[in-house]
């Protein structure tokens, strides 16, 4: 992600708004389906991106392709299956993120010919950006580090719950640190081969 033109930034922002809405809703929906009503009461069972967007996570995603949503609070005790069910909640977010990107790629050949030339060209590029960012977003958010969605995995065992509680009180600071790491380029360079392989498997090319 080296395109820092206004068009590039706007396209990545638009892609991340969509990704945040899908990812956040899927995480909340999985938690609710498994028995935790908390995300519904917190207003997170919604496709409204404004309830899911995290300022630092969005900026990091736009600039460095490493983004995240505002963490969805999940009570592992309420889940059917208990703490191990947190893995399903985390997986649901990443699976939905990739599924929507794949769906957009699938319908693109049917829709683009119906649009005016300028709109068609923009939609073509936007769906590519969504696909690229979705792969990075889905895989990165499987990592068990706050403020990523994968941080829920830390609560799968009781000994780590205390650590999770401490970290949650410092989620903003953790996000800033993660953004600085992303800015260094270390993560994207290290993950590039994996991201490219997954993208080829999912979208071809």
Protein backbone atom coordinates (compact mmCIF):
# COMPACT_ATOMS: atom_id res chain seq x y z
CA UNK A 1 0.00 0.00 0.00
CA UNK A 2 2.16 2.85 -1.30
CA UNK A 3 -0.49 4.91 -3.10
CA UNK A 4 -0.85 8.04 -1.00
CA UNK A 5 -2.70 10.03 -3.64
CA UNK A 6 -6.05 11.51 -2.66
CA UNK A 7 -7.85 8.97 -4.84
CA UNK A 8 -5.94 6.08 -3.29
CA UNK A 9 -6.65 7.26 0.24
CA UNK A 10 -10.36 7.77 -0.48
CA UNK A 11 -10.69 4.33 -2.06
CA UNK A 12 -8.98 2.63 0.89
CA UNK A 13 -11.13 4.57 3.33
CA UNK A 14 -14.28 3.51 1.48
CA UNK A 15 -13.08 -0.10 1.46
CA UNK A 16 -12.33 -0.03 5.18
CA UNK A 17 -15.74 1.44 6.00
CA UNK A 18 -17.33 -1.56 4.27
CA UNK A 19 -14.92 -4.02 5.87
CA UNK A 20 -15.48 -2.60 9.36
CA UNK A 21 -19.26 -2.84 8.97
CA UNK A 22 -19.12 -6.47 7.84
CA UNK A 23 -16.44 -7.58 10.28
CA UNK A 24 -18.02 -5.90 13.30
CA UNK A 25 -21.50 -7.16 12.50
CA UNK A 26 -20.25 -10.72 11.95
CA UNK A 27 -18.37 -10.79 15.26
CA UNK A 28 -21.39 -9.42 17.12
CA UNK A 29 -23.80 -11.75 15.31
CA UNK A 30 -21.68 -14.80 16.10
CA UNK A 31 -21.53 -13.86 19.78
CA UNK A 32 -25.28 -13.29 19.94
CA UNK A 33 -26.00 -16.53 18.09
CA UNK A 34 -23.83 -18.38 20.59
CA UNK A 35 -25.76 -16.97 23.53
CA UNK A 36 -24.20 -13.65 24.54
CA UNK A 37 -26.79 -10.84 24.26
CA UNK A 38 -24.19 -8.21 25.15
CA UNK A 39 -23.27 -7.10 21.60
CA UNK A 40 -26.95 -6.55 20.83
CA UNK A 41 -27.38 -4.37 23.92
CA UNK A 42 -24.17 -2.51 23.09
CA UNK A 43 -25.52 -1.62 19.64
CA UNK A 44 -22.88 -3.66 17.84
CA UNK A 45 -25.33 -6.02 16.09
CA UNK A 46 -25.50 -3.55 13.23
CA UNK A 47 -24.15 -2.99 9.73
CA UNK A 48 -23.73 0.69 10.52
CA UNK A 49 -19.96 1.21 10.16
CA UNK A 50 -20.01 4.13 12.59
CA UNK A 51 -20.60 1.81 15.54
CA UNK A 52 -17.63 -0.36 14.57
CA UNK A 53 -14.97 2.02 13.25
CA UNK A 54 -11.94 2.66 15.41
CA UNK A 55 -10.16 5.92 14.63
CA UNK A 56 -6.61 4.62 15.06
CA UNK A 57 -7.45 1.30 13.40
CA UNK A 58 -8.99 3.05 10.40
CA UNK A 59 -6.07 5.45 9.94
CA UNK A 60 -3.63 2.55 10.25
CA UNK A 61 -5.62 0.54 7.72
CA UNK A 62 -5.77 3.38 5.21
CA UNK A 63 -2.08 4.24 5.46
CA UNK A 64 -0.43 0.92 6.27
CA UNK A 65 -2.99 -1.80 5.34
CA UNK A 66 -3.14 -3.00 8.95
CA UNK A 67 -6.52 -2.10 10.40
CA UNK A 68 -8.99 -3.14 13.06
CA UNK A 69 -12.41 -2.27 14.44
CA UNK A 70 -13.44 -1.02 17.84
CA UNK A 71 -13.34 -4.21 19.95
CA UNK A 72 -16.66 -5.99 20.44
CA UNK A 73 -17.19 -6.91 24.09
CA UNK A 74 -17.99 -10.62 24.41
CA UNK A 75 -18.71 -12.45 27.65
CA UNK A 76 -17.20 -15.93 27.27
CA UNK A 77 -19.21 -17.24 30.22
CA UNK A 78 -22.44 -16.53 28.31
CA UNK A 79 -21.41 -18.42 25.19
CA UNK A 80 -22.69 -21.89 24.49
CA UNK A 81 -19.54 -23.95 24.53
CA UNK A 82 -17.89 -21.56 26.97
CA UNK A 83 -14.54 -19.97 26.37
CA UNK A 84 -13.54 -22.23 23.45
CA UNK A 85 -16.49 -20.76 21.52
CA UNK A 86 -14.54 -17.49 21.34
CA UNK A 87 -12.59 -19.08 18.49
CA UNK A 88 -15.83 -19.28 16.49
CA UNK A 89 -16.57 -15.62 17.20
CA UNK A 90 -13.14 -14.56 15.97
CA UNK A 91 -13.31 -16.84 12.94
CA UNK A 92 -16.76 -15.50 12.01
CA UNK A 93 -15.41 -11.97 11.65
CA UNK A 94 -12.59 -12.98 9.34
CA UNK A 95 -14.74 -15.42 7.33
CA UNK A 96 -17.44 -12.81 6.70
CA UNK A 97 -14.83 -10.22 5.69
CA UNK A 98 -13.39 -12.55 3.07
CA UNK A 99 -16.81 -13.78 1.93
CA UNK A 100 -18.04 -10.28 1.10
CA UNK A 101 -14.86 -9.51 -0.83
CA UNK A 102 -15.26 -12.74 -2.80
CA UNK A 103 -18.92 -11.94 -3.48
CA UNK A 104 -18.00 -8.52 -4.86
CA UNK A 105 -15.43 -10.08 -7.14
CA UNK A 106 -18.00 -12.64 -8.33
CA UNK A 107 -20.72 -10.13 -9.21
CA UNK A 108 -18.35 -7.55 -10.68
CA UNK A 109 -18.46 -8.91 -14.26
CA UNK A 110 -22.26 -8.75 -14.16
CA UNK A 111 -22.56 -5.25 -12.73
CA UNK A 112 -19.74 -3.24 -14.29
CA UNK A 113 -21.06 -3.40 -17.87
CA UNK A 114 -24.27 -1.78 -16.64
CA UNK A 115 -22.47 1.29 -15.28
CA UNK A 116 -21.19 4.40 -17.07
CA UNK A 117 -17.52 4.19 -18.02
CA UNK A 118 -16.24 6.41 -15.21
CA UNK A 119 -18.33 4.68 -12.54
CA UNK A 120 -17.36 1.28 -13.90
CA UNK A 121 -13.65 2.10 -13.72
CA UNK A 122 -13.98 3.38 -10.16
CA UNK A 123 -16.01 0.35 -9.06
CA UNK A 124 -13.43 -1.96 -10.64
CA UNK A 125 -10.59 -0.38 -8.69
CA UNK A 126 -12.65 -0.21 -5.48
CA UNK A 127 -13.48 -3.93 -5.56
CA UNK A 128 -9.78 -4.68 -6.02
CA UNK A 129 -8.93 -2.50 -3.03
CA UNK A 130 -11.65 -4.20 -0.97
CA UNK A 131 -10.23 -7.61 -1.90
CA UNK A 132 -6.67 -6.62 -1.03
CA UNK A 133 -7.55 -4.98 2.27
CA UNK A 134 -9.99 -7.74 3.21
CA UNK A 135 -7.28 -10.38 3.06
CA UNK A 136 -4.96 -8.30 5.23
CA UNK A 137 -7.77 -7.35 7.64
CA UNK A 138 -9.08 -10.91 8.00
CA UNK A 139 -5.70 -12.50 8.62
CA UNK A 140 -4.28 -9.79 10.87
CA UNK A 141 -7.37 -9.86 13.06
CA UNK A 142 -6.82 -13.54 13.79
CA UNK A 143 -3.69 -12.59 15.72
CA UNK A 144 -4.32 -12.75 19.50
CA UNK A 145 -3.21 -9.23 20.29
CA UNK A 146 -5.29 -6.25 21.42
CA UNK A 147 -6.99 -4.29 19.98
CA UNK A 148 -7.40 -6.89 17.21
CA UNK A 149 -10.45 -9.16 17.15
CA UNK A 150 -8.12 -12.08 17.78
CA UNK A 151 -7.49 -10.72 21.28
CA UNK A 152 -10.62 -12.65 22.30
CA UNK A 153 -8.53 -15.80 21.93
CA UNK A 154 -6.51 -14.72 24.94
CA UNK A 155 -9.60 -15.21 27.11
CA UNK A 156 -10.07 -18.82 26.06
CA UNK A 157 -8.31 -19.93 29.23
CA UNK A 158 -8.89 -18.48 32.67
CA UNK A 159 -5.20 -17.76 33.45
CA UNK A 160 -5.06 -15.27 30.59
CA UNK A 161 -8.35 -13.56 31.47
CA UNK A 162 -6.64 -11.32 34.01
CA UNK A 163 -4.16 -10.25 31.34
CA UNK A 164 -7.03 -9.52 28.95
CA UNK A 165 -8.76 -7.35 31.55
CA UNK A 166 -5.58 -5.33 32.10
CA UNK A 167 -4.98 -4.86 28.39
CA UNK A 168 -8.58 -3.82 27.71
CA UNK A 169 -8.10 -0.87 30.01
CA UNK A 170 -5.25 0.21 27.73
CA UNK A 171 -6.75 -0.54 24.33
CA UNK A 172 -6.15 2.95 22.96
CA UNK A 173 -2.47 2.82 23.88
CA UNK A 174 -2.22 -0.69 22.43
CA UNK A 175 -3.76 0.60 19.20
CA UNK A 176 -1.25 3.43 18.93
CA UNK A 177 1.63 1.01 19.47
CA UNK A 178 0.24 -1.34 16.84
CA UNK A 179 -0.17 1.54 14.39
CA UNK A 180 3.45 2.55 14.96
CA UNK A 181 4.55 -1.02 14.29
CA UNK A 182 2.45 -1.00 11.12
CA UNK A 183 4.04 2.31 10.08
CA UNK A 184 7.47 0.71 10.30
CA UNK A 185 6.50 -1.64 7.48
CA UNK A 186 7.87 -4.67 9.31
CA UNK A 187 4.50 -6.42 9.54
CA UNK A 188 3.44 -5.83 5.95
CA UNK A 189 6.82 -6.92 4.57
CA UNK A 190 6.86 -10.08 6.69
CA UNK A 191 3.26 -10.95 5.87
CA UNK A 192 3.39 -10.06 2.17
CA UNK A 193 4.08 -13.60 0.87
CA UNK A 194 1.22 -15.06 2.91
CA UNK A 195 -1.19 -12.28 1.92
CA UNK A 196 -0.34 -12.67 -1.76
CA UNK A 197 -0.79 -16.44 -1.59
CA UNK A 198 -4.18 -16.18 0.09
CA UNK A 199 -5.30 -13.48 -2.36
CA UNK A 200 -4.36 -15.69 -5.32
CA UNK A 201 -6.23 -18.64 -3.85
CA UNK A 202 -9.37 -16.61 -3.17
CA UNK A 203 -9.47 -14.25 -6.13
CA UNK A 204 -7.22 -15.82 -8.71
CA UNK A 205 -4.77 -13.83 -10.75
